C-alpha atoms as a PDB file:
ATOM      1  CA  MET A   1     -80.331   2.975-118.985  1.00  0.00           C
ATOM      2  CA  THR A   2     -80.367   0.165-116.414  1.00  0.00           C
ATOM      3  CA  HIS A   3     -79.140  -2.340-118.986  1.00  0.00           C
ATOM      4  CA  ILE A   4     -76.460   0.036-120.274  1.00  0.00           C
ATOM      5  CA  SER A   5     -75.144   0.866-116.792  1.00  0.00           C
ATOM      6  CA  ALA A   6     -75.108  -2.821-115.780  1.00  0.00           C
ATOM      7  CA  ILE A   7     -73.161  -3.806-118.897  1.00  0.00           C
ATOM      8  CA  GLY A   8     -70.832  -0.835-118.436  1.00  0.00           C
ATOM      9  CA  LEU A   9     -70.094  -1.757-114.823  1.00  0.00           C
ATOM     10  CA  ASN A  10     -69.462  -5.376-115.771  1.00  0.00           C
ATOM     11  CA  THR A  11     -67.106  -4.221-118.539  1.00  0.00           C
ATOM     12  CA  PHE A  12     -65.172  -2.125-116.024  1.00  0.00           C
ATOM     13  CA  ARG A  13     -64.849  -5.098-113.687  1.00  0.00           C
ATOM     14  CA  GLU A  14     -63.633  -7.323-116.516  1.00  0.00           C
ATOM     15  CA  ALA A  15     -61.032  -4.739-117.490  1.00  0.00           C
ATOM     16  CA  VAL A  16     -59.762  -4.632-113.914  1.00  0.00           C
ATOM     17  CA  ARG A  17     -59.579  -8.411-113.787  1.00  0.00           C
ATOM     18  CA  ASP A  18     -57.560  -8.333-117.014  1.00  0.00           C
ATOM     19  CA  ARG A  19     -54.861  -6.518-114.989  1.00  0.00           C
ATOM     20  CA  VAL A  20     -55.006  -3.336-117.025  1.00  0.00           C
ATOM     21  CA  LEU A  21     -54.196  -1.411-113.857  1.00  0.00           C
ATOM     22  CA  TYR A  22     -50.650  -2.779-114.026  1.00  0.00           C
ATOM     23  CA  ASN A  23     -49.921  -0.008-116.505  1.00  0.00           C
ATOM     24  CA  LEU A  24     -50.302   2.430-113.620  1.00  0.00           C
ATOM     25  CA  VAL A  25     -47.346   0.843-111.858  1.00  0.00           C
ATOM     26  CA  PHE A  26     -45.283   1.160-115.012  1.00  0.00           C
ATOM     27  CA  PHE A  27     -46.329   4.767-115.457  1.00  0.00           C
ATOM     28  CA  ALA A  28     -45.543   5.631-111.831  1.00  0.00           C
ATOM     29  CA  LEU A  29     -42.048   4.148-112.134  1.00  0.00           C
ATOM     30  CA  LEU A  30     -41.534   5.965-115.432  1.00  0.00           C
ATOM     31  CA  MET A  31     -42.539   9.321-113.984  1.00  0.00           C
ATOM     32  CA  MET A  32     -40.440   8.903-110.843  1.00  0.00           C
ATOM     33  CA  GLY A  33     -37.419   7.978-112.909  1.00  0.00           C
ATOM     34  CA  ALA A  34     -38.007  10.893-115.260  1.00  0.00           C
ATOM     35  CA  ALA A  35     -38.382  13.295-112.337  1.00  0.00           C
ATOM     36  CA  VAL A  36     -35.008  12.234-110.977  1.00  0.00           C
ATOM     37  CA  LEU A  37     -33.308  12.440-114.369  1.00  0.00           C
ATOM     38  CA  VAL A  38     -34.617  15.841-115.394  1.00  0.00           C
ATOM     39  CA  GLY A  39     -33.493  17.202-112.054  1.00  0.00           C
ATOM     40  CA  GLN A  40     -30.035  17.280-113.605  1.00  0.00           C
ATOM     41  CA  ILE A  41     -31.210  19.508-116.476  1.00  0.00           C
ATOM     42  CA  SER A  42     -30.995  23.285-116.330  1.00  0.00           C
ATOM     43  CA  ILE A  43     -33.838  25.149-114.639  1.00  0.00           C
ATOM     44  CA  GLY A  44     -36.894  25.750-116.842  1.00  0.00           C
ATOM     45  CA  ILE A  45     -36.335  22.912-119.291  1.00  0.00           C
ATOM     46  CA  GLU A  46     -37.106  20.168-116.779  1.00  0.00           C
ATOM     47  CA  GLU A  47     -40.752  21.274-116.517  1.00  0.00           C
ATOM     48  CA  VAL A  48     -41.204  21.071-120.283  1.00  0.00           C
ATOM     49  CA  VAL A  49     -39.646  17.599-120.353  1.00  0.00           C
ATOM     50  CA  ILE A  50     -41.777  16.305-117.484  1.00  0.00           C
ATOM     51  CA  VAL A  51     -45.066  17.546-118.960  1.00  0.00           C
ATOM     52  CA  SER A  52     -44.214  16.402-122.492  1.00  0.00           C
ATOM     53  CA  LEU A  53     -43.062  12.979-121.332  1.00  0.00           C
ATOM     54  CA  GLY A  54     -45.984  12.532-118.956  1.00  0.00           C
ATOM     55  CA  LEU A  55     -48.707  13.516-121.418  1.00  0.00           C
ATOM     56  CA  SER A  56     -47.127  11.437-124.186  1.00  0.00           C
ATOM     57  CA  ALA A  57     -47.023   8.417-121.867  1.00  0.00           C
ATOM     58  CA  ILE A  58     -50.660   8.922-120.843  1.00  0.00           C
ATOM     59  CA  SER A  59     -51.677   9.138-124.499  1.00  0.00           C
ATOM     60  CA  PHE A  60     -49.642   6.111-125.583  1.00  0.00           C
ATOM     61  CA  ILE A  61     -50.686   3.815-122.738  1.00  0.00           C
ATOM     62  CA  GLY A  62     -54.308   4.896-123.090  1.00  0.00           C
ATOM     63  CA  LEU A  63     -54.177   4.250-126.834  1.00  0.00           C
ATOM     64  CA  LEU A  64     -52.906   0.704-126.296  1.00  0.00           C
ATOM     65  CA  MET A  65     -55.682   0.029-123.809  1.00  0.00           C
ATOM     66  CA  ALA A  66     -58.370   1.556-126.025  1.00  0.00           C
ATOM     67  CA  VAL A  67     -57.351  -0.470-129.076  1.00  0.00           C
ATOM     68  CA  PHE A  68     -56.537  -3.875-127.628  1.00  0.00           C
ATOM     69  CA  ILE A  69     -59.291  -3.978-125.005  1.00  0.00           C
ATOM     70  CA  GLY A  70     -61.822  -2.234-127.235  1.00  0.00           C
ATOM     71  CA  VAL A  71     -61.310  -4.673-130.092  1.00  0.00           C
ATOM     72  CA  GLY A  72     -61.849  -7.601-127.747  1.00  0.00           C
ATOM     73  CA  LEU A  73     -65.037  -6.300-126.139  1.00  0.00           C
ATOM     74  CA  VAL A  74     -67.343  -7.760-128.783  1.00  0.00           C
ATOM     75  CA  SER A  75     -65.172 -10.534-130.237  1.00  0.00           C
ATOM     76  CA  LYS A  76     -64.444 -11.972-126.795  1.00  0.00           C
ATOM     77  CA  GLU A  77     -68.161 -12.133-126.008  1.00  0.00           C
ATOM     78  CA  MET A  78     -68.739 -13.969-129.286  1.00  0.00           C
ATOM     79  CA  ASP A  79     -65.863 -16.398-128.767  1.00  0.00           C
ATOM     80  CA  LYS A  80     -67.021 -17.253-125.259  1.00  0.00           C
ATOM     81  CA  ARG A  81     -70.658 -17.311-126.483  1.00  0.00           C
ATOM     82  CA  THR A  82     -71.677 -15.153-123.525  1.00  0.00           C
ATOM     83  CA  ILE A  83     -73.280 -12.689-125.909  1.00  0.00           C
ATOM     84  CA  TYR A  84     -75.944 -15.266-126.803  1.00  0.00           C
ATOM     85  CA  ALA A  85     -77.080 -15.591-123.197  1.00  0.00           C
ATOM     86  CA  LEU A  86     -77.036 -11.827-122.759  1.00  0.00           C
ATOM     87  CA  LEU A  87     -79.027 -11.037-125.892  1.00  0.00           C
ATOM     88  CA  SER A  88     -81.557 -13.726-125.038  1.00  0.00           C
ATOM     89  CA  LYS A  89     -82.636 -11.412-122.228  1.00  0.00           C
ATOM     90  CA  PRO A  90     -84.541  -8.157-122.840  1.00  0.00           C
ATOM     91  CA  VAL A  91     -81.323  -6.405-123.896  1.00  0.00           C
ATOM     92  CA  ARG A  92     -81.110  -4.787-127.302  1.00  0.00           C
ATOM     93  CA  ARG A  93     -77.933  -5.028-129.300  1.00  0.00           C
ATOM     94  CA  TRP A  94     -77.361  -1.280-129.291  1.00  0.00           C
ATOM     95  CA  GLU A  95     -77.711  -1.284-125.513  1.00  0.00           C
ATOM     96  CA  PHE A  96     -75.069  -4.015-125.316  1.00  0.00           C
ATOM     97  CA  LEU A  97     -72.748  -2.000-127.560  1.00  0.00           C
ATOM     98  CA  LEU A  98     -73.311   1.286-125.749  1.00  0.00           C
ATOM     99  CA  GLY A  99     -72.792  -0.410-122.386  1.00  0.00           C
ATOM    100  CA  LYS A 100     -69.439  -1.773-123.557  1.00  0.00           C
ATOM    101  CA  PHE A 101     -68.451   1.681-124.783  1.00  0.00           C
ATOM    102  CA  VAL A 102     -69.405   3.374-121.515  1.00  0.00           C
ATOM    103  CA  GLY A 103     -67.614   0.703-119.461  1.00  0.00           C
ATOM    104  CA  LEU A 104     -64.328   0.978-121.335  1.00  0.00           C
ATOM    105  CA  VAL A 105     -64.400   4.781-121.456  1.00  0.00           C
ATOM    106  CA  PHE A 106     -64.975   4.774-117.694  1.00  0.00           C
ATOM    107  CA  THR A 107     -62.012   2.411-117.285  1.00  0.00           C
ATOM    108  CA  LEU A 108     -59.842   4.693-119.393  1.00  0.00           C
ATOM    109  CA  ALA A 109     -61.027   7.722-117.415  1.00  0.00           C
ATOM    110  CA  VAL A 110     -60.040   6.111-114.114  1.00  0.00           C
ATOM    111  CA  ASN A 111     -56.624   5.148-115.470  1.00  0.00           C
ATOM    112  CA  THR A 112     -56.104   8.542-117.083  1.00  0.00           C
ATOM    113  CA  ILE A 113     -56.990  10.397-113.877  1.00  0.00           C
ATOM    114  CA  ALA A 114     -54.630   8.194-111.867  1.00  0.00           C
ATOM    115  CA  MET A 115     -51.807   8.741-114.362  1.00  0.00           C
ATOM    116  CA  ALA A 116     -52.493  12.482-114.399  1.00  0.00           C
ATOM    117  CA  ALA A 117     -52.132  12.471-110.608  1.00  0.00           C
ATOM    118  CA  GLY A 118     -48.753  10.769-111.031  1.00  0.00           C
ATOM    119  CA  LEU A 119     -47.758  13.425-113.543  1.00  0.00           C
ATOM    120  CA  PHE A 120     -48.647  16.245-111.151  1.00  0.00           C
ATOM    121  CA  LEU A 121     -46.699  14.555-108.352  1.00  0.00           C
ATOM    122  CA  ALA A 122     -43.637  14.380-110.600  1.00  0.00           C
ATOM    123  CA  LEU A 123     -44.182  18.002-111.621  1.00  0.00           C
ATOM    124  CA  LEU A 124     -44.464  18.999-107.971  1.00  0.00           C
ATOM    125  CA  TYR A 125     -41.226  17.154-107.224  1.00  0.00           C
ATOM    126  CA  VAL A 126     -39.424  19.144-109.916  1.00  0.00           C
ATOM    127  CA  LYS A 127     -41.019  22.589-109.357  1.00  0.00           C
ATOM    128  CA  HIS A 128     -41.653  22.276-105.588  1.00  0.00           C
ATOM    129  CA  ASN A 129     -44.931  24.145-106.120  1.00  0.00           C
ATOM    130  CA  LEU A 130     -47.796  24.288-108.611  1.00  0.00           C
ATOM    131  CA  VAL A 131     -49.191  27.452-110.169  1.00  0.00           C
ATOM    132  CA  ARG A 132     -52.444  28.329-111.894  1.00  0.00           C
ATOM    133  CA  ALA A 133     -50.842  28.004-115.332  1.00  0.00           C
ATOM    134  CA  ASP A 134     -50.348  24.286-114.685  1.00  0.00           C
ATOM    135  CA  ALA A 135     -54.110  23.838-115.099  1.00  0.00           C
ATOM    136  CA  VAL A 136     -53.526  23.661-118.844  1.00  0.00           C
ATOM    137  CA  VAL A 137     -52.133  20.167-118.220  1.00  0.00           C
ATOM    138  CA  LEU A 138     -55.619  19.123-117.097  1.00  0.00           C
ATOM    139  CA  VAL A 139     -57.020  20.404-120.398  1.00  0.00           C
ATOM    140  CA  ALA A 140     -54.437  18.335-122.288  1.00  0.00           C
ATOM    141  CA  VAL A 141     -55.410  15.251-120.247  1.00  0.00           C
ATOM    142  CA  TYR A 142     -59.079  15.924-121.009  1.00  0.00           C
ATOM    143  CA  PHE A 143     -58.307  16.122-124.727  1.00  0.00           C
ATOM    144  CA  ILE A 144     -56.436  12.814-124.512  1.00  0.00           C
ATOM    145  CA  LEU A 145     -59.506  11.215-122.941  1.00  0.00           C
ATOM    146  CA  LEU A 146     -61.730  12.594-125.706  1.00  0.00           C
ATOM    147  CA  LYS A 147     -59.361  11.174-128.287  1.00  0.00           C
ATOM    148  CA  LEU A 148     -59.379   7.784-126.570  1.00  0.00           C
ATOM    149  CA  ALA A 149     -63.197   7.765-126.556  1.00  0.00           C
ATOM    150  CA  ILE A 150     -63.139   8.121-130.356  1.00  0.00           C
ATOM    151  CA  VAL A 151     -60.618   5.283-130.608  1.00  0.00           C
ATOM    152  CA  VAL A 152     -62.854   3.060-128.459  1.00  0.00           C
ATOM    153  CA  ALA A 153     -65.825   3.793-130.730  1.00  0.00           C
ATOM    154  CA  LEU A 154     -63.749   2.884-133.792  1.00  0.00           C
ATOM    155  CA  ALA A 155     -62.507  -0.295-132.119  1.00  0.00           C
ATOM    156  CA  LEU A 156     -66.086  -1.358-131.423  1.00  0.00           C
ATOM    157  CA  LEU A 157     -67.101  -0.569-134.997  1.00  0.00           C
ATOM    158  CA  PHE A 158     -64.348  -2.704-136.503  1.00  0.00           C
ATOM    159  CA  SER A 159     -64.796  -5.527-133.985  1.00  0.00           C
ATOM    160  CA  CYS A 160     -68.440  -5.813-135.061  1.00  0.00           C
ATOM    161  CA  SER A 161     -67.501  -6.283-138.703  1.00  0.00           C
ATOM    162  CA  THR A 162     -64.177  -8.121-138.931  1.00  0.00           C
ATOM    163  CA  THR A 163     -61.552 -10.153-137.083  1.00  0.00           C
ATOM    164  CA  SER A 164     -59.584  -8.952-134.076  1.00  0.00           C
ATOM    165  CA  LEU A 165     -56.305  -8.678-135.991  1.00  0.00           C
ATOM    166  CA  LEU A 166     -57.814  -6.629-138.792  1.00  0.00           C
ATOM    167  CA  SER A 167     -59.648  -4.480-136.256  1.00  0.00           C
ATOM    168  CA  ILE A 168     -56.350  -3.622-134.561  1.00  0.00           C
ATOM    169  CA  LEU A 169     -54.757  -2.786-137.918  1.00  0.00           C
ATOM    170  CA  TYR A 170     -57.721  -0.641-138.955  1.00  0.00           C
ATOM    171  CA  CYS A 171     -57.663   1.248-135.636  1.00  0.00           C
ATOM    172  CA  ALA A 172     -53.934   1.853-135.971  1.00  0.00           C
ATOM    173  CA  GLY A 173     -54.399   3.042-139.553  1.00  0.00           C
ATOM    174  CA  PHE A 174     -57.208   5.418-138.609  1.00  0.00           C
ATOM    175  CA  TYR A 175     -55.186   6.800-135.714  1.00  0.00           C
ATOM    176  CA  VAL A 176     -52.103   7.458-137.834  1.00  0.00           C
ATOM    177  CA  ALA A 177     -54.133   8.937-140.695  1.00  0.00           C
ATOM    178  CA  GLY A 178     -56.191  11.034-138.288  1.00  0.00           C
ATOM    179  CA  SER A 179     -52.994  12.561-136.935  1.00  0.00           C
ATOM    180  CA  PHE A 180     -52.203  14.030-140.370  1.00  0.00           C
ATOM    181  CA  VAL A 181     -55.614  15.364-141.378  1.00  0.00           C
ATOM    182  CA  GLN A 182     -54.444  18.953-141.811  1.00  0.00           C
ATOM    183  CA  GLN A 183     -51.586  17.868-144.066  1.00  0.00           C
ATOM    184  CA  MET A 184     -54.005  15.845-146.171  1.00  0.00           C
ATOM    185  CA  ARG A 185     -56.186  18.919-146.685  1.00  0.00           C
ATOM    186  CA  MET A 186     -53.198  20.985-147.801  1.00  0.00           C
ATOM    187  CA  LEU A 187     -52.164  18.650-150.633  1.00  0.00           C
ATOM    188  CA  ARG A 188     -51.876  20.572-153.898  1.00  0.00           C
ATOM    189  CA  ALA A 189     -54.113  19.502-156.768  1.00  0.00           C
ATOM    190  CA  ASP A 190     -51.706  20.908-159.356  1.00  0.00           C
ATOM    191  CA  VAL A 191     -49.019  18.503-158.129  1.00  0.00           C
ATOM    192  CA  LEU A 192     -50.940  15.355-157.179  1.00  0.00           C
ATOM    193  CA  GLY A 193     -53.934  15.733-159.477  1.00  0.00           C
ATOM    194  CA  PRO A 194     -57.152  13.853-158.581  1.00  0.00           C
ATOM    195  CA  PHE A 195     -55.328  12.090-155.735  1.00  0.00           C
ATOM    196  CA  ALA A 196     -55.246  15.343-153.779  1.00  0.00           C
ATOM    197  CA  GLY A 197     -59.036  15.658-154.052  1.00  0.00           C
ATOM    198  CA  VAL A 198     -59.541  12.093-152.853  1.00  0.00           C
ATOM    199  CA  MET A 199     -57.241  12.637-149.861  1.00  0.00           C
ATOM    200  CA  ARG A 200     -58.997  15.888-149.021  1.00  0.00           C
ATOM    201  CA  TRP A 201     -62.378  14.135-149.128  1.00  0.00           C
ATOM    202  CA  LEU A 202     -61.080  11.338-146.904  1.00  0.00           C
ATOM    203  CA  SER A 203     -59.703  13.839-144.412  1.00  0.00           C
ATOM    204  CA  TYR A 204     -63.258  14.896-143.535  1.00  0.00           C
ATOM    205  CA  LEU A 205     -64.247  11.290-142.788  1.00  0.00           C
ATOM    206  CA  LEU A 206     -61.219  10.529-140.645  1.00  0.00           C
ATOM    207  CA  PRO A 207     -61.143  11.598-136.987  1.00  0.00           C
ATOM    208  CA  ASN A 208     -59.192  14.837-136.695  1.00  0.00           C
ATOM    209  CA  PHE A 209     -56.809  13.913-133.887  1.00  0.00           C
ATOM    210  CA  GLU A 210     -54.587  16.920-134.569  1.00  0.00           C
ATOM    211  CA  ASN A 211     -57.026  19.239-132.816  1.00  0.00           C
ATOM    212  CA  PHE A 212     -56.651  17.203-129.621  1.00  0.00           C
ATOM    213  CA  ASN A 213     -52.873  17.508-129.499  1.00  0.00           C
ATOM    214  CA  VAL A 214     -52.038  20.392-127.158  1.00  0.00           C
ATOM    215  CA  ILE A 215     -49.059  18.769-125.460  1.00  0.00           C
ATOM    216  CA  GLY A 216     -46.758  21.510-126.742  1.00  0.00           C
ATOM    217  CA  LEU A 217     -49.017  24.237-125.331  1.00  0.00           C
ATOM    218  CA  ALA A 218     -49.321  22.445-121.985  1.00  0.00           C
ATOM    219  CA  ALA A 219     -45.564  21.927-121.721  1.00  0.00           C
ATOM    220  CA  HIS A 220     -44.968  25.669-122.082  1.00  0.00           C
ATOM    221  CA  GLY A 221     -47.922  26.720-119.924  1.00  0.00           C
ATOM    222  CA  VAL A 222     -49.848  28.338-122.778  1.00  0.00           C
ATOM    223  CA  LYS A 223     -53.591  28.634-122.157  1.00  0.00           C
ATOM    224  CA  VAL A 224     -55.865  26.599-124.424  1.00  0.00           C
ATOM    225  CA  PRO A 225     -58.732  28.687-125.896  1.00  0.00           C
ATOM    226  CA  THR A 226     -62.148  27.957-124.420  1.00  0.00           C
ATOM    227  CA  ALA A 227     -63.589  27.769-127.930  1.00  0.00           C
ATOM    228  CA  LEU A 228     -61.249  24.878-128.741  1.00  0.00           C
ATOM    229  CA  ILE A 229     -62.332  23.014-125.601  1.00  0.00           C
ATOM    230  CA  LEU A 230     -66.004  23.338-126.548  1.00  0.00           C
ATOM    231  CA  GLN A 231     -65.279  22.495-130.174  1.00  0.00           C
ATOM    232  CA  ASN A 232     -63.346  19.336-129.338  1.00  0.00           C
ATOM    233  CA  THR A 233     -65.961  18.211-126.822  1.00  0.00           C
ATOM    234  CA  LEU A 234     -68.768  18.591-129.352  1.00  0.00           C
ATOM    235  CA  TYR A 235     -66.692  17.032-132.121  1.00  0.00           C
ATOM    236  CA  ALA A 236     -65.824  13.960-130.032  1.00  0.00           C
ATOM    237  CA  ALA A 237     -69.449  13.517-128.914  1.00  0.00           C
ATOM    238  CA  VAL A 238     -70.816  13.716-132.469  1.00  0.00           C
ATOM    239  CA  TYR A 239     -68.103  11.525-133.972  1.00  0.00           C
ATOM    240  CA  CYS A 240     -68.558   8.842-131.297  1.00  0.00           C
ATOM    241  CA  ALA A 241     -72.329   8.934-131.764  1.00  0.00           C
ATOM    242  CA  VAL A 242     -72.041   8.456-135.538  1.00  0.00           C
ATOM    243  CA  VAL A 243     -69.489   5.644-135.252  1.00  0.00           C
ATOM    244  CA  LEU A 244     -71.466   3.843-132.533  1.00  0.00           C
ATOM    245  CA  ALA A 245     -74.643   4.153-134.584  1.00  0.00           C
ATOM    246  CA  ALA A 246     -72.851   2.520-137.527  1.00  0.00           C
ATOM    247  CA  ALA A 247     -71.529  -0.204-135.221  1.00  0.00           C
ATOM    248  CA  ALA A 248     -75.029  -0.824-133.858  1.00  0.00           C
ATOM    249  CA  ILE A 249     -76.408  -1.186-137.396  1.00  0.00           C
ATOM    250  CA  ILE A 250     -73.689  -3.681-138.295  1.00  0.00           C
ATOM    251  CA  LEU A 251     -74.197  -5.688-135.109  1.00  0.00           C
ATOM    252  CA  SER A 252     -77.966  -5.712-135.569  1.00  0.00           C
ATOM    253  CA  ARG A 253     -77.547  -7.307-139.005  1.00  0.00           C
ATOM    254  CA  ARG A 254     -75.145 -10.017-137.877  1.00  0.00           C
ATOM    255  CA  ASN A 255     -76.546 -13.483-137.502  1.00  0.00           C
ATOM    256  CA  LEU A 256     -75.672 -14.502-133.936  1.00  0.00           C
ATOM    257  CA  LYS A 257     -77.885 -17.560-133.810  1.00  0.00           C
END
């Protein structure tokens, strides 16, 4: 755990030095501008707009960070040849990979929490007070973070096996496909034939990002079931573990000498 925490902390510091925190400035300006604009909308609708816009921005900015930084975590170490010096020490390759994962997820968590604070400030500006029902926004933010953790795991998997450009394309493809898993499972075999069966089989391998999308519920203050929170937490943990295990196997078989 010492090796993993040290690598994770170093990854967080590198992410900060890469100026990823600049996205917080952009997000703050976006939310302040949105808060002023929606103030002109009729009462009731402005809250829905603020929450929808804020959560969508958190998800989008976090996705960009997870993909572009995640893809470069391994490839950058290889290009700079710093991975050779690191692995020459008593550090196993899976520890290196897990440390990178923990470091980037921690970075995303810090950014997500800061952006969520900006969202609540904008919401407070519009509503002038917060109520207990607004806690569902925190659940939506938590789901976004779980989704980003899966994206980071996928980015690490692809970065261990192919180039940076292809890794980005693969991550984007998995994210888009994972957002339509339910539709893939509902394809009719009598219309599409064997293709429907193939798509249905693939839908169980893809990450089911649809279950993490509760922006609509949060915008209207609808409570998210506790069972869904537990289900998504377990699902994200298992999926990340499987993907990281596959990435560790791939990295262990690569010739880095």
